[in-house]
C-alpha cells in the first residue's frame, strides 16, 4: 500500500516537473526574445517587430543545440531575417547574451546583493 502511494507521488511530481520545465523554457525564450529585440535596436536592424524577433529567437534557440555550428546558424538567422550584415548579426547575438547578465548585475547591486554576486562568480 505504501509503495503504491509512493509510485503515485513520483508520477505526480514528475508530471509537475515537466510542467515546470516547460514554463521555465517559455520564460527563457521570452527573455531571450526581449534581449534580442533590444540588441537589434542597438545595431539598427531594419525589421525589429516583436513577432519576427520572437520567431528568430525560437529558431536560434533550436539550432543552438547543434554542436560546433549552432552559433553560426543563429547569426545567419539573425542577419537574414532582420536585414543586417554579418558583423552586426554577430554583435546582436553577443549583445542578446550579455544584456540579461548586465541587467542581473545592475539589479543585484541595486538591492545590495553584491556579496552574493561575487560569491556566485567565485571571486
PDB file of N, CA and C in Angstrom:
ATOM      1  N   UNK A   1       0.820  -1.192   0.000  1.00  0.00           N
ATOM      2  CA  UNK A   1       0.000   0.000   0.000  1.00  0.00           C
ATOM      3  C   UNK A   1       0.864   1.256   0.000  1.00  0.00           C
ATOM      4  N   UNK A   2       1.885   1.276   0.863  1.00  0.00           N
ATOM      5  CA  UNK A   2       2.757   2.444   0.926  1.00  0.00           C
ATOM      6  C   UNK A   2       3.526   2.592  -0.374  1.00  0.00           C
ATOM      7  N   UNK A   3       3.956   1.480  -0.949  1.00  0.00           N
ATOM      8  CA  UNK A   3       4.702   1.525  -2.198  1.00  0.00           C
ATOM      9  C   UNK A   3       3.836   2.066  -3.336  1.00  0.00           C
ATOM     10  N   UNK A   4       2.564   1.736  -3.344  1.00  0.00           N
ATOM     11  CA  UNK A   4       1.670   2.256  -4.378  1.00  0.00           C
ATOM     12  C   UNK A   4       1.482   3.762  -4.215  1.00  0.00           C
ATOM     13  N   UNK A   5       1.381   4.234  -2.981  1.00  0.00           N
ATOM     14  CA  UNK A   5       1.267   5.667  -2.759  1.00  0.00           C
ATOM     15  C   UNK A   5       2.547   6.387  -3.181  1.00  0.00           C
ATOM     16  N   UNK A   6       3.695   5.764  -2.927  1.00  0.00           N
ATOM     17  CA  UNK A   6       4.968   6.353  -3.321  1.00  0.00           C
ATOM     18  C   UNK A   6       5.079   6.441  -4.842  1.00  0.00           C
ATOM     19  N   UNK A   7       4.620   5.408  -5.545  1.00  0.00           N
ATOM     20  CA  UNK A   7       4.634   5.442  -7.010  1.00  0.00           C
ATOM     21  C   UNK A   7       3.728   6.538  -7.542  1.00  0.00           C
ATOM     22  N   UNK A   8       2.574   6.718  -6.906  1.00  0.00           N
ATOM     23  CA  UNK A   8       1.666   7.788  -7.325  1.00  0.00           C
ATOM     24  C   UNK A   8       2.295   9.152  -7.071  1.00  0.00           C
ATOM     25  N   UNK A   9       3.001   9.296  -5.950  1.00  0.00           N
ATOM     26  CA  UNK A   9       3.670  10.554  -5.642  1.00  0.00           C
ATOM     27  C   UNK A   9       4.777  10.852  -6.657  1.00  0.00           C
ATOM     28  N   UNK A  10       5.552   9.848  -7.015  1.00  0.00           N
ATOM     29  CA  UNK A  10       6.613  10.029  -8.013  1.00  0.00           C
ATOM     30  C   UNK A  10       6.003  10.412  -9.366  1.00  0.00           C
ATOM     31  N   UNK A  11       4.912   9.779  -9.752  1.00  0.00           N
ATOM     32  CA  UNK A  11       4.253  10.099 -11.015  1.00  0.00           C
ATOM     33  C   UNK A  11       3.736  11.531 -11.004  1.00  0.00           C
ATOM     34  N   UNK A  12       3.172  11.956  -9.878  1.00  0.00           N
ATOM     35  CA  UNK A  12       2.659  13.318  -9.765  1.00  0.00           C
ATOM     36  C   UNK A  12       3.795  14.331  -9.837  1.00  0.00           C
ATOM     37  N   UNK A  13       4.879  14.077  -9.109  1.00  0.00           N
ATOM     38  CA  UNK A  13       5.999  15.005  -9.098  1.00  0.00           C
ATOM     39  C   UNK A  13       6.705  15.070 -10.447  1.00  0.00           C
ATOM     40  N   UNK A  14       6.788  13.959 -11.150  1.00  0.00           N
ATOM     41  CA  UNK A  14       7.422  14.008 -12.463  1.00  0.00           C
ATOM     42  C   UNK A  14       6.561  14.786 -13.451  1.00  0.00           C
ATOM     43  N   UNK A  15       5.246  14.675 -13.330  1.00  0.00           N
ATOM     44  CA  UNK A  15       4.360  15.475 -14.181  1.00  0.00           C
ATOM     45  C   UNK A  15       4.482  16.954 -13.881  1.00  0.00           C
ATOM     46  N   UNK A  16       4.574  17.292 -12.582  1.00  0.00           N
ATOM     47  CA  UNK A  16       4.746  18.688 -12.191  1.00  0.00           C
ATOM     48  C   UNK A  16       6.112  19.190 -12.661  1.00  0.00           C
ATOM     49  N   UNK A  17       7.130  18.339 -12.594  1.00  0.00           N
ATOM     50  CA  UNK A  17       8.459  18.728 -13.048  1.00  0.00           C
ATOM     51  C   UNK A  17       8.499  19.047 -14.527  1.00  0.00           C
ATOM     52  N   UNK A  18       7.762  18.265 -15.312  1.00  0.00           N
ATOM     53  CA  UNK A  18       7.702  18.531 -16.753  1.00  0.00           C
ATOM     54  C   UNK A  18       7.014  19.857 -17.020  1.00  0.00           C
ATOM     55  N   UNK A  19       5.940  20.143 -16.290  1.00  0.00           N
ATOM     56  CA  UNK A  19       5.238  21.410 -16.462  1.00  0.00           C
ATOM     57  C   UNK A  19       6.130  22.576 -16.058  1.00  0.00           C
ATOM     58  N   UNK A  20       6.844  22.433 -14.955  1.00  0.00           N
ATOM     59  CA  UNK A  20       7.754  23.495 -14.513  1.00  0.00           C
ATOM     60  C   UNK A  20       8.869  23.698 -15.533  1.00  0.00           C
ATOM     61  N   UNK A  21       9.364  22.611 -16.104  1.00  0.00           N
ATOM     62  CA  UNK A  21      10.404  22.720 -17.128  1.00  0.00           C
ATOM     63  C   UNK A  21       9.889  23.447 -18.375  1.00  0.00           C
ATOM     64  N   UNK A  22       8.680  23.153 -18.794  1.00  0.00           N
ATOM     65  CA  UNK A  22       8.102  23.834 -19.955  1.00  0.00           C
ATOM     66  C   UNK A  22       7.864  25.316 -19.678  1.00  0.00           C
ATOM     67  N   UNK A  23       7.412  25.639 -18.469  1.00  0.00           N
ATOM     68  CA  UNK A  23       7.200  27.045 -18.107  1.00  0.00           C
ATOM     69  C   UNK A  23       8.533  27.783 -18.070  1.00  0.00           C
ATOM     70  N   UNK A  24       9.570  27.154 -17.521  1.00  0.00           N
ATOM     71  CA  UNK A  24      10.897  27.780 -17.472  1.00  0.00           C
ATOM     72  C   UNK A  24      11.455  27.994 -18.878  1.00  0.00           C
ATOM     73  N   UNK A  25      11.226  27.033 -19.780  1.00  0.00           N
ATOM     74  CA  UNK A  25      11.693  27.189 -21.164  1.00  0.00           C
ATOM     75  C   UNK A  25      10.952  28.333 -21.851  1.00  0.00           C
ATOM     76  N   UNK A  26       9.657  28.468 -21.603  1.00  0.00           N
ATOM     77  CA  UNK A  26       8.882  29.557 -22.210  1.00  0.00           C
ATOM     78  C   UNK A  26       9.333  30.912 -21.680  1.00  0.00           C
ATOM     79  N   UNK A  27       9.604  30.998 -20.382  1.00  0.00           N
ATOM     80  CA  UNK A  27      10.083  32.258 -19.803  1.00  0.00           C
ATOM     81  C   UNK A  27      11.473  32.593 -20.351  1.00  0.00           C
ATOM     82  N   UNK A  28      12.336  31.592 -20.475  1.00  0.00           N
ATOM     83  CA  UNK A  28      13.659  31.822 -21.040  1.00  0.00           C
ATOM     84  C   UNK A  28      13.599  32.293 -22.483  1.00  0.00           C
ATOM     85  N   UNK A  29      12.684  31.709 -23.251  1.00  0.00           N
ATOM     86  CA  UNK A  29      12.519  32.123 -24.642  1.00  0.00           C
ATOM     87  C   UNK A  29      11.994  33.552 -24.730  1.00  0.00           C
ATOM     88  N   UNK A  30      11.080  33.908 -23.840  1.00  0.00           N
ATOM     89  CA  UNK A  30      10.560  35.265 -23.817  1.00  0.00           C
ATOM     90  C   UNK A  30      11.650  36.267 -23.443  1.00  0.00           C
ATOM     91  N   UNK A  31      12.456  35.947 -22.438  1.00  0.00           N
ATOM     92  CA  UNK A  31      13.544  36.839 -22.047  1.00  0.00           C
ATOM     93  C   UNK A  31      14.588  36.967 -23.153  1.00  0.00           C
ATOM     94  N   UNK A  32      14.878  35.861 -23.843  1.00  0.00           N
ATOM     95  CA  UNK A  32      15.838  35.919 -24.945  1.00  0.00           C
ATOM     96  C   UNK A  32      15.300  36.778 -26.087  1.00  0.00           C
ATOM     97  N   UNK A  33      14.013  36.658 -26.378  1.00  0.00           N
ATOM     98  CA  UNK A  33      13.465  37.459 -27.474  1.00  0.00           C
ATOM     99  C   UNK A  33      13.429  38.948 -27.109  1.00  0.00           C
ATOM    100  N   UNK A  34      13.178  39.268 -25.838  1.00  0.00           N
ATOM    101  CA  UNK A  34      13.214  40.674 -25.421  1.00  0.00           C
ATOM    102  C   UNK A  34      14.642  41.223 -25.529  1.00  0.00           C
ATOM    103  N   UNK A  35      15.629  40.452 -25.063  1.00  0.00           N
ATOM    104  CA  UNK A  35      17.009  40.935 -25.155  1.00  0.00           C
ATOM    105  C   UNK A  35      17.484  40.998 -26.605  1.00  0.00           C
ATOM    106  N   UNK A  36      17.001  40.068 -27.454  1.00  0.00           N
ATOM    107  CA  UNK A  36      17.351  40.135 -28.871  1.00  0.00           C
ATOM    108  C   UNK A  36      16.718  41.350 -29.533  1.00  0.00           C
ATOM    109  N   UNK A  37      15.516  41.710 -29.137  1.00  0.00           N
ATOM    110  CA  UNK A  37      14.862  42.906 -29.681  1.00  0.00           C
ATOM    111  C   UNK A  37      15.636  44.162 -29.292  1.00  0.00           C
ATOM    112  N   UNK A  38      16.089  44.226 -28.052  1.00  0.00           N
ATOM    113  CA  UNK A  38      16.877  45.376 -27.613  1.00  0.00           C
ATOM    114  C   UNK A  38      18.209  45.418 -28.363  1.00  0.00           C
ATOM    115  N   UNK A  39      18.843  44.251 -28.523  1.00  0.00           N
ATOM    116  CA  UNK A  39      20.125  44.191 -29.232  1.00  0.00           C
ATOM    117  C   UNK A  39      19.969  44.575 -30.697  1.00  0.00           C
ATOM    118  N   UNK A  40      18.886  44.148 -31.326  1.00  0.00           N
ATOM    119  CA  UNK A  40      18.652  44.537 -32.719  1.00  0.00           C
ATOM    120  C   UNK A  40      18.399  46.033 -32.839  1.00  0.00           C
ATOM    121  N   UNK A  41      17.787  46.624 -31.838  1.00  0.00           N
ATOM    122  CA  UNK A  41      17.625  48.076 -31.827  1.00  0.00           C
ATOM    123  C   UNK A  41      18.957  48.798 -31.701  1.00  0.00           C
ATOM    124  N   UNK A  42      19.884  48.191 -30.957  1.00  0.00           N
ATOM    125  CA  UNK A  42      21.198  48.817 -30.788  1.00  0.00           C
ATOM    126  C   UNK A  42      22.035  48.765 -32.060  1.00  0.00           C
ATOM    127  N   UNK A  43      21.866  47.704 -32.868  1.00  0.00           N
ATOM    128  CA  UNK A  43      22.659  47.600 -34.095  1.00  0.00           C
ATOM    129  C   UNK A  43      21.912  48.146 -35.303  1.00  0.00           C
ATOM    130  N   UNK A  44      20.768  48.767 -35.077  1.00  0.00           N
ATOM    131  CA  UNK A  44      19.980  49.437 -36.109  1.00  0.00           C
ATOM    132  C   UNK A  44      19.509  48.470 -37.197  1.00  0.00           C
ATOM    133  N   UNK A  45      18.775  47.440 -36.781  1.00  0.00           N
ATOM    134  CA  UNK A  45      18.203  46.487 -37.732  1.00  0.00           C
ATOM    135  C   UNK A  45      16.961  47.084 -38.373  1.00  0.00           C
ATOM    136  N   UNK A  46      16.672  46.648 -39.594  1.00  0.00           N
ATOM    137  CA  UNK A  46      15.530  47.218 -40.304  1.00  0.00           C
ATOM    138  C   UNK A  46      14.201  46.610 -39.853  1.00  0.00           C
ATOM    139  N   UNK A  47      14.186  45.339 -39.544  1.00  0.00           N
ATOM    140  CA  UNK A  47      12.943  44.664 -39.155  1.00  0.00           C
ATOM    141  C   UNK A  47      13.091  44.166 -37.724  1.00  0.00           C
ATOM    142  N   UNK A  48      12.487  44.896 -36.788  1.00  0.00           N
ATOM    143  CA  UNK A  48      12.617  44.519 -35.382  1.00  0.00           C
ATOM    144  C   UNK A  48      11.274  44.500 -34.664  1.00  0.00           C
ATOM    145  N   UNK A  49      10.230  44.057 -35.372  1.00  0.00           N
ATOM    146  CA  UNK A  49       8.943  43.845 -34.720  1.00  0.00           C
ATOM    147  C   UNK A  49       9.049  42.652 -33.790  1.00  0.00           C
ATOM    148  N   UNK A  50       8.216  42.640 -32.743  1.00  0.00           N
ATOM    149  CA  UNK A  50       8.352  41.594 -31.741  1.00  0.00           C
ATOM    150  C   UNK A  50       8.021  40.216 -32.298  1.00  0.00           C
ATOM    151  N   UNK A  51       7.082  40.129 -33.231  1.00  0.00           N
ATOM    152  CA  UNK A  51       6.726  38.830 -33.803  1.00  0.00           C
ATOM    153  C   UNK A  51       7.866  38.200 -34.578  1.00  0.00           C
ATOM    154  N   UNK A  52       8.525  38.979 -35.422  1.00  0.00           N
ATOM    155  CA  UNK A  52       9.648  38.435 -36.182  1.00  0.00           C
ATOM    156  C   UNK A  52      10.848  38.150 -35.282  1.00  0.00           C
ATOM    157  N   UNK A  53      11.028  38.990 -34.268  1.00  0.00           N
ATOM    158  CA  UNK A  53      12.126  38.741 -33.325  1.00  0.00           C
ATOM    159  C   UNK A  53      11.847  37.470 -32.526  1.00  0.00           C
ATOM    160  N   UNK A  54      10.583  37.233 -32.167  1.00  0.00           N
ATOM    161  CA  UNK A  54      10.233  36.031 -31.415  1.00  0.00           C
ATOM    162  C   UNK A  54      10.465  34.777 -32.250  1.00  0.00           C
ATOM    163  N   UNK A  55      10.105  34.815 -33.539  1.00  0.00           N
ATOM    164  CA  UNK A  55      10.357  33.666 -34.418  1.00  0.00           C
ATOM    165  C   UNK A  55      11.861  33.444 -34.580  1.00  0.00           C
ATOM    166  N   UNK A  56      12.621  34.530 -34.715  1.00  0.00           N
ATOM    167  CA  UNK A  56      14.073  34.406 -34.801  1.00  0.00           C
ATOM    168  C   UNK A  56      14.637  33.805 -33.515  1.00  0.00           C
ATOM    169  N   UNK A  57      14.091  34.210 -32.381  1.00  0.00           N
ATOM    170  CA  UNK A  57      14.550  33.664 -31.101  1.00  0.00           C
ATOM    171  C   UNK A  57      14.245  32.171 -31.010  1.00  0.00           C
ATOM    172  N   UNK A  58      13.081  31.751 -31.486  1.00  0.00           N
ATOM    173  CA  UNK A  58      12.745  30.322 -31.477  1.00  0.00           C
ATOM    174  C   UNK A  58      13.717  29.548 -32.365  1.00  0.00           C
ATOM    175  N   UNK A  59      13.957  30.057 -33.576  1.00  0.00           N
ATOM    176  CA  UNK A  59      14.888  29.381 -34.484  1.00  0.00           C
ATOM    177  C   UNK A  59      16.304  29.333 -33.901  1.00  0.00           C
ATOM    178  N   UNK A  60      16.733  30.439 -33.331  1.00  0.00           N
ATOM    179  CA  UNK A  60      18.060  30.496 -32.737  1.00  0.00           C
ATOM    180  C   UNK A  60      18.155  29.566 -31.525  1.00  0.00           C
ATOM    181  N   UNK A  61      17.094  29.492 -30.759  1.00  0.00           N
ATOM    182  CA  UNK A  61      17.046  28.616 -29.577  1.00  0.00           C
ATOM    183  C   UNK A  61      17.142  27.152 -30.000  1.00  0.00           C
ATOM    184  N   UNK A  62      16.494  26.805 -31.101  1.00  0.00           N
ATOM    185  CA  UNK A  62      16.502  25.414 -31.560  1.00  0.00           C
ATOM    186  C   UNK A  62      17.843  25.010 -32.157  1.00  0.00           C
ATOM    187  N   UNK A  63      18.445  25.879 -32.969  1.00  0.00           N
ATOM    188  CA  UNK A  63      19.700  25.494 -33.618  1.00  0.00           C
ATOM    189  C   UNK A  63      20.910  25.676 -32.719  1.00  0.00           C
ATOM    190  N   UNK A  64      20.730  26.294 -31.563  1.00  0.00           N
ATOM    191  CA  UNK A  64      21.866  26.469 -30.663  1.00  0.00           C
ATOM    192  C   UNK A  64      22.331  25.146 -30.073  1.00  0.00           C
ATOM    193  N   UNK A  65      21.534  24.098 -30.189  1.00  0.00           N
ATOM    194  CA  UNK A  65      21.921  22.789 -29.679  1.00  0.00           C
ATOM    195  C   UNK A  65      22.743  21.985 -30.681  1.00  0.00           C
ATOM    196  N   UNK A  66      22.929  22.501 -31.886  1.00  0.00           N
ATOM    197  CA  UNK A  66      23.755  21.825 -32.874  1.00  0.00           C
ATOM    198  C   UNK A  66      25.222  22.073 -32.514  1.00  0.00           C
ATOM    199  N   UNK A  67      25.997  21.023 -32.314  1.00  0.00           N
ATOM    200  CA  UNK A  67      27.392  21.222 -31.897  1.00  0.00           C
ATOM    201  C   UNK A  67      28.212  21.929 -32.974  1.00  0.00           C
ATOM    202  N   UNK A  68      29.098  22.776 -32.551  1.00  0.00           N
ATOM    203  CA  UNK A  68      30.124  23.462 -33.358  1.00  0.00           C
ATOM    204  C   UNK A  68      29.572  24.538 -34.289  1.00  0.00           C
ATOM    205  N   UNK A  69      28.430  24.357 -34.912  1.00  0.00           N
ATOM    206  CA  UNK A  69      27.957  25.335 -35.895  1.00  0.00           C
ATOM    207  C   UNK A  69      26.658  26.010 -35.478  1.00  0.00           C
ATOM    208  N   UNK A  70      26.139  25.699 -34.302  1.00  0.00           N
ATOM    209  CA  UNK A  70      24.862  26.264 -33.862  1.00  0.00           C
ATOM    210  C   UNK A  70      24.885  27.772 -33.745  1.00  0.00           C
ATOM    211  N   UNK A  71      25.985  28.333 -33.232  1.00  0.00           N
ATOM    212  CA  UNK A  71      26.057  29.786 -33.090  1.00  0.00           C
ATOM    213  C   UNK A  71      26.157  30.467 -34.454  1.00  0.00           C
ATOM    214  N   UNK A  72      26.836  29.837 -35.411  1.00  0.00           N
ATOM    215  CA  UNK A  72      26.922  30.425 -36.751  1.00  0.00           C
ATOM    216  C   UNK A  72      25.564  30.402 -37.457  1.00  0.00           C
ATOM    217  N   UNK A  73      24.815  29.332 -37.257  1.00  0.00           N
ATOM    218  CA  UNK A  73      23.473  29.259 -37.838  1.00  0.00           C
ATOM    219  C   UNK A  73      22.559  30.289 -37.181  1.00  0.00           C
ATOM    220  N   UNK A  74      22.724  30.502 -35.873  1.00  0.00           N
ATOM    221  CA  UNK A  74      21.931  31.522 -35.179  1.00  0.00           C
ATOM    222  C   UNK A  74      22.221  32.912 -35.736  1.00  0.00           C
ATOM    223  N   UNK A  75      23.494  33.203 -35.957  1.00  0.00           N
ATOM    224  CA  UNK A  75      23.866  34.501 -36.535  1.00  0.00           C
ATOM    225  C   UNK A  75      23.312  34.628 -37.948  1.00  0.00           C
ATOM    226  N   UNK A  76      23.331  33.534 -38.710  1.00  0.00           N
ATOM    227  CA  UNK A  76      22.773  33.563 -40.060  1.00  0.00           C
ATOM    228  C   UNK A  76      21.280  33.877 -40.012  1.00  0.00           C
ATOM    229  N   UNK A  77      20.547  33.243 -39.091  1.00  0.00           N
ATOM    230  CA  UNK A  77      19.120  33.543 -38.954  1.00  0.00           C
ATOM    231  C   UNK A  77      18.887  34.992 -38.570  1.00  0.00           C
ATOM    232  N   UNK A  78      19.714  35.506 -37.672  1.00  0.00           N
ATOM    233  CA  UNK A  78      19.539  36.889 -37.226  1.00  0.00           C
ATOM    234  C   UNK A  78      19.773  37.863 -38.374  1.00  0.00           C
ATOM    235  N   UNK A  79      20.871  37.669 -39.132  1.00  0.00           N
ATOM    236  CA  UNK A  79      21.137  38.665 -40.177  1.00  0.00           C
ATOM    237  C   UNK A  79      20.252  38.478 -41.403  1.00  0.00           C
ATOM    238  N   UNK A  80      19.806  37.277 -41.697  1.00  0.00           N
ATOM    239  CA  UNK A  80      18.945  37.113 -42.871  1.00  0.00           C
ATOM    240  C   UNK A  80      17.508  37.544 -42.585  1.00  0.00           C
ATOM    241  N   UNK A  81      17.039  37.396 -41.371  1.00  0.00           N
ATOM    242  CA  UNK A  81      15.656  37.753 -41.057  1.00  0.00           C
ATOM    243  C   UNK A  81      15.482  39.233 -40.726  1.00  0.00           C
ATOM    244  N   UNK A  82      16.573  39.930 -40.386  1.00  0.00           N
ATOM    245  CA  UNK A  82      16.428  41.314 -39.941  1.00  0.00           C
ATOM    246  C   UNK A  82      17.196  42.311 -40.804  1.00  0.00           C
ATOM    247  N   UNK A  83      17.743  41.866 -41.920  1.00  0.00           N
ATOM    248  CA  UNK A  83      18.351  42.771 -42.890  1.00  0.00           C
ATOM    249  C   UNK A  83      19.586  43.488 -42.385  1.00  0.00           C
ATOM    250  N   UNK A  84      20.482  42.779 -41.721  1.00  0.00           N
ATOM    251  CA  UNK A  84      21.714  43.394 -41.245  1.00  0.00           C
ATOM    252  C   UNK A  84      22.899  42.576 -41.754  1.00  0.00           C
ATOM    253  N   UNK A  85      24.093  43.137 -41.620  1.00  0.00           N
ATOM    254  CA  UNK A  85      25.294  42.449 -42.095  1.00  0.00           C
ATOM    255  C   UNK A  85      25.710  41.377 -41.085  1.00  0.00           C
ATOM    256  N   UNK A  86      26.705  40.578 -41.480  1.00  0.00           N
ATOM    257  CA  UNK A  86      27.183  39.524 -40.583  1.00  0.00           C
ATOM    258  C   UNK A  86      27.824  40.096 -39.324  1.00  0.00           C
ATOM    259  N   UNK A  87      28.547  41.180 -39.462  1.00  0.00           N
ATOM    260  CA  UNK A  87      29.168  41.812 -38.297  1.00  0.00           C
ATOM    261  C   UNK A  87      28.139  42.302 -37.296  1.00  0.00           C
ATOM    262  N   UNK A  88      27.091  42.954 -37.817  1.00  0.00           N
ATOM    263  CA  UNK A  88      26.026  43.418 -36.932  1.00  0.00           C
ATOM    264  C   UNK A  88      25.239  42.238 -36.357  1.00  0.00           C
ATOM    265  N   UNK A  89      25.130  41.156 -37.130  1.00  0.00           N
ATOM    266  CA  UNK A  89      24.455  39.961 -36.624  1.00  0.00           C
ATOM    267  C   UNK A  89      25.224  39.330 -35.479  1.00  0.00           C
ATOM    268  N   UNK A  90      26.552  39.279 -35.615  1.00  0.00           N
ATOM    269  CA  UNK A  90      27.388  38.746 -34.534  1.00  0.00           C
ATOM    270  C   UNK A  90      27.290  39.648 -33.310  1.00  0.00           C
ATOM    271  N   UNK A  91      27.303  40.953 -33.526  1.00  0.00           N
ATOM    272  CA  UNK A  91      27.193  41.891 -32.413  1.00  0.00           C
ATOM    273  C   UNK A  91      25.834  41.760 -31.720  1.00  0.00           C
ATOM    274  N   UNK A  92      24.765  41.618 -32.503  1.00  0.00           N
ATOM    275  CA  UNK A  92      23.432  41.446 -31.906  1.00  0.00           C
ATOM    276  C   UNK A  92      23.350  40.140 -31.124  1.00  0.00           C
ATOM    277  N   UNK A  93      23.965  39.087 -31.643  1.00  0.00           N
ATOM    278  CA  UNK A  93      23.977  37.782 -30.954  1.00  0.00           C
ATOM    279  C   UNK A  93      24.713  37.875 -29.619  1.00  0.00           C
ATOM    280  N   UNK A  94      25.850  38.548 -29.623  1.00  0.00           N
ATOM    281  CA  UNK A  94      26.625  38.702 -28.387  1.00  0.00           C
ATOM    282  C   UNK A  94      25.890  39.606 -27.399  1.00  0.00           C
ATOM    283  N   UNK A  95      25.332  40.706 -27.892  1.00  0.00           N
ATOM    284  CA  UNK A  95      24.597  41.613 -27.008  1.00  0.00           C
ATOM    285  C   UNK A  95      23.358  40.950 -26.417  1.00  0.00           C
ATOM    286  N   UNK A  96      22.681  40.123 -27.202  1.00  0.00           N
ATOM    287  CA  UNK A  96      21.500  39.432 -26.688  1.00  0.00           C
ATOM    288  C   UNK A  96      21.862  38.468 -25.573  1.00  0.00           C
ATOM    289  N   UNK A  97      23.077  37.963 -25.583  1.00  0.00           N
ATOM    290  CA  UNK A  97      23.526  37.108 -24.491  1.00  0.00           C
ATOM    291  C   UNK A  97      24.013  37.892 -23.289  1.00  0.00           C
ATOM    292  N   UNK A  98      24.590  39.066 -23.524  1.00  0.00           N
ATOM    293  CA  UNK A  98      25.152  39.850 -22.432  1.00  0.00           C
ATOM    294  C   UNK A  98      24.135  40.733 -21.719  1.00  0.00           C
ATOM    295  N   UNK A  99      23.096  41.168 -22.401  1.00  0.00           N
ATOM    296  CA  UNK A  99      22.139  42.078 -21.785  1.00  0.00           C
ATOM    297  C   UNK A  99      21.466  41.511 -20.535  1.00  0.00           C
ATOM    298  N   UNK A 100      21.026  40.244 -20.512  1.00  0.00           N
ATOM    299  CA  UNK A 100      20.449  39.727 -19.257  1.00  0.00           C
ATOM    300  C   UNK A 100      21.467  39.653 -18.119  1.00  0.00           C
ATOM    301  N   UNK A 101      22.727  39.372 -18.442  1.00  0.00           N
ATOM    302  CA  UNK A 101      23.767  39.320 -17.413  1.00  0.00           C
ATOM    303  C   UNK A 101      24.003  40.715 -16.835  1.00  0.00           C
ATOM    304  N   UNK A 102      24.053  41.711 -17.710  1.00  0.00           N
ATOM    305  CA  UNK A 102      24.243  43.091 -17.254  1.00  0.00           C
ATOM    306  C   UNK A 102      23.051  43.541 -16.419  1.00  0.00           C
ATOM    307  N   UNK A 103      21.842  43.216 -16.863  1.00  0.00           N
ATOM    308  CA  UNK A 103      20.641  43.604 -16.114  1.00  0.00           C
ATOM    309  C   UNK A 103      20.604  42.933 -14.741  1.00  0.00           C
ATOM    310  N   UNK A 104      20.974  41.657 -14.672  1.00  0.00           N
ATOM    311  CA  UNK A 104      21.002  40.954 -13.394  1.00  0.00           C
ATOM    312  C   UNK A 104      22.044  41.563 -12.461  1.00  0.00           C
ATOM    313  N   UNK A 105      23.190  41.942 -13.006  1.00  0.00           N
ATOM    314  CA  UNK A 105      24.236  42.562 -12.196  1.00  0.00           C
ATOM    315  C   UNK A 105      23.775  43.901 -11.637  1.00  0.00           C
ATOM    316  N   UNK A 106      23.123  44.712 -12.460  1.00  0.00           N
ATOM    317  CA  UNK A 106      22.633  46.012 -12.007  1.00  0.00           C
ATOM    318  C   UNK A 106      21.578  45.830 -10.922  1.00  0.00           C
ATOM    319  N   UNK A 107      20.666  44.884 -11.109  1.00  0.00           N
ATOM    320  CA  UNK A 107      19.617  44.642 -10.117  1.00  0.00           C
ATOM    321  C   UNK A 107      20.217  44.144  -8.809  1.00  0.00           C
ATOM    322  N   UNK A 108      21.206  43.264  -8.892  1.00  0.00           N
ATOM    323  CA  UNK A 108      21.814  42.746  -7.664  1.00  0.00           C
ATOM    324  C   UNK A 108      22.573  43.836  -6.916  1.00  0.00           C
ATOM    325  N   UNK A 109      23.267  44.708  -7.627  1.00  0.00           N
ATOM    326  CA  UNK A 109      23.946  45.808  -6.948  1.00  0.00           C
ATOM    327  C   UNK A 109      22.944  46.818  -6.401  1.00  0.00           C
ATOM    328  N   UNK A 110      21.816  47.016  -7.080  1.00  0.00           N
ATOM    329  CA  UNK A 110      20.806  47.957  -6.607  1.00  0.00           C
ATOM    330  C   UNK A 110      20.170  47.482  -5.303  1.00  0.00           C
ATOM    331  N   UNK A 111      20.007  46.186  -5.151  1.00  0.00           N
ATOM    332  CA  UNK A 111      19.408  45.648  -3.934  1.00  0.00           C
ATOM    333  C   UNK A 111      20.444  45.260  -2.883  1.00  0.00           C
ATOM    334  N   UNK A 112      21.695  45.607  -3.089  1.00  0.00           N
ATOM    335  CA  UNK A 112      22.723  45.350  -2.105  1.00  0.00           C
ATOM    336  C   UNK A 112      23.158  43.899  -2.028  1.00  0.00           C
ATOM    337  N   UNK A 113      23.029  43.183  -3.110  1.00  0.00           N
ATOM    338  CA  UNK A 113      23.399  41.779  -3.126  1.00  0.00           C
ATOM    339  C   UNK A 113      24.730  41.555  -3.825  1.00  0.00           C
ATOM    340  N   UNK A 114      25.615  42.529  -3.720  1.00  0.00           N
ATOM    341  CA  UNK A 114      26.897  42.418  -4.432  1.00  0.00           C
ATOM    342  C   UNK A 114      27.763  41.308  -3.866  1.00  0.00           C
ATOM    343  N   UNK A 115      27.668  41.038  -2.570  1.00  0.00           N
ATOM    344  CA  UNK A 115      28.425  39.948  -1.980  1.00  0.00           C
ATOM    345  C   UNK A 115      27.989  38.612  -2.535  1.00  0.00           C
ATOM    346  N   UNK A 116      26.691  38.420  -2.727  1.00  0.00           N
ATOM    347  CA  UNK A 116      26.184  37.169  -3.304  1.00  0.00           C
ATOM    348  C   UNK A 116      26.598  37.043  -4.756  1.00  0.00           C
ATOM    349  N   UNK A 117      26.647  38.173  -5.461  1.00  0.00           N
ATOM    350  CA  UNK A 117      27.076  38.130  -6.865  1.00  0.00           C
ATOM    351  C   UNK A 117      28.543  37.730  -6.960  1.00  0.00           C
ATOM    352  N   UNK A 118      29.360  38.293  -6.099  1.00  0.00           N
ATOM    353  CA  UNK A 118      30.778  37.937  -6.117  1.00  0.00           C
ATOM    354  C   UNK A 118      30.983  36.483  -5.712  1.00  0.00           C
ATOM    355  N   UNK A 119      30.190  36.003  -4.761  1.00  0.00           N
ATOM    356  CA  UNK A 119      30.292  34.590  -4.381  1.00  0.00           C
ATOM    357  C   UNK A 119      29.823  33.700  -5.513  1.00  0.00           C
ATOM    358  N   UNK A 120      28.802  34.140  -6.261  1.00  0.00           N
ATOM    359  CA  UNK A 120      28.307  33.365  -7.391  1.00  0.00           C
ATOM    360  C   UNK A 120      29.363  33.285  -8.483  1.00  0.00           C
ATOM    361  N   UNK A 121      30.098  34.354  -8.667  1.00  0.00           N
ATOM    362  CA  UNK A 121      31.160  34.386  -9.670  1.00  0.00           C
ATOM    363  C   UNK A 121      32.441  33.725  -9.168  1.00  0.00           C
ATOM    364  N   UNK A 122      32.507  33.404  -7.887  1.00  0.00           N
ATOM    365  CA  UNK A 122      33.686  32.748  -7.328  1.00  0.00           C
ATOM    366  C   UNK A 122      34.831  33.697  -7.055  1.00  0.00           C
ATOM    367  N   UNK A 123      34.524  34.955  -6.824  1.00  0.00           N
ATOM    368  CA  UNK A 123      35.584  35.945  -6.565  1.00  0.00           C
ATOM    369  C   UNK A 123      35.708  36.254  -5.090  1.00  0.00           C
TER     370      UNK A 123
END
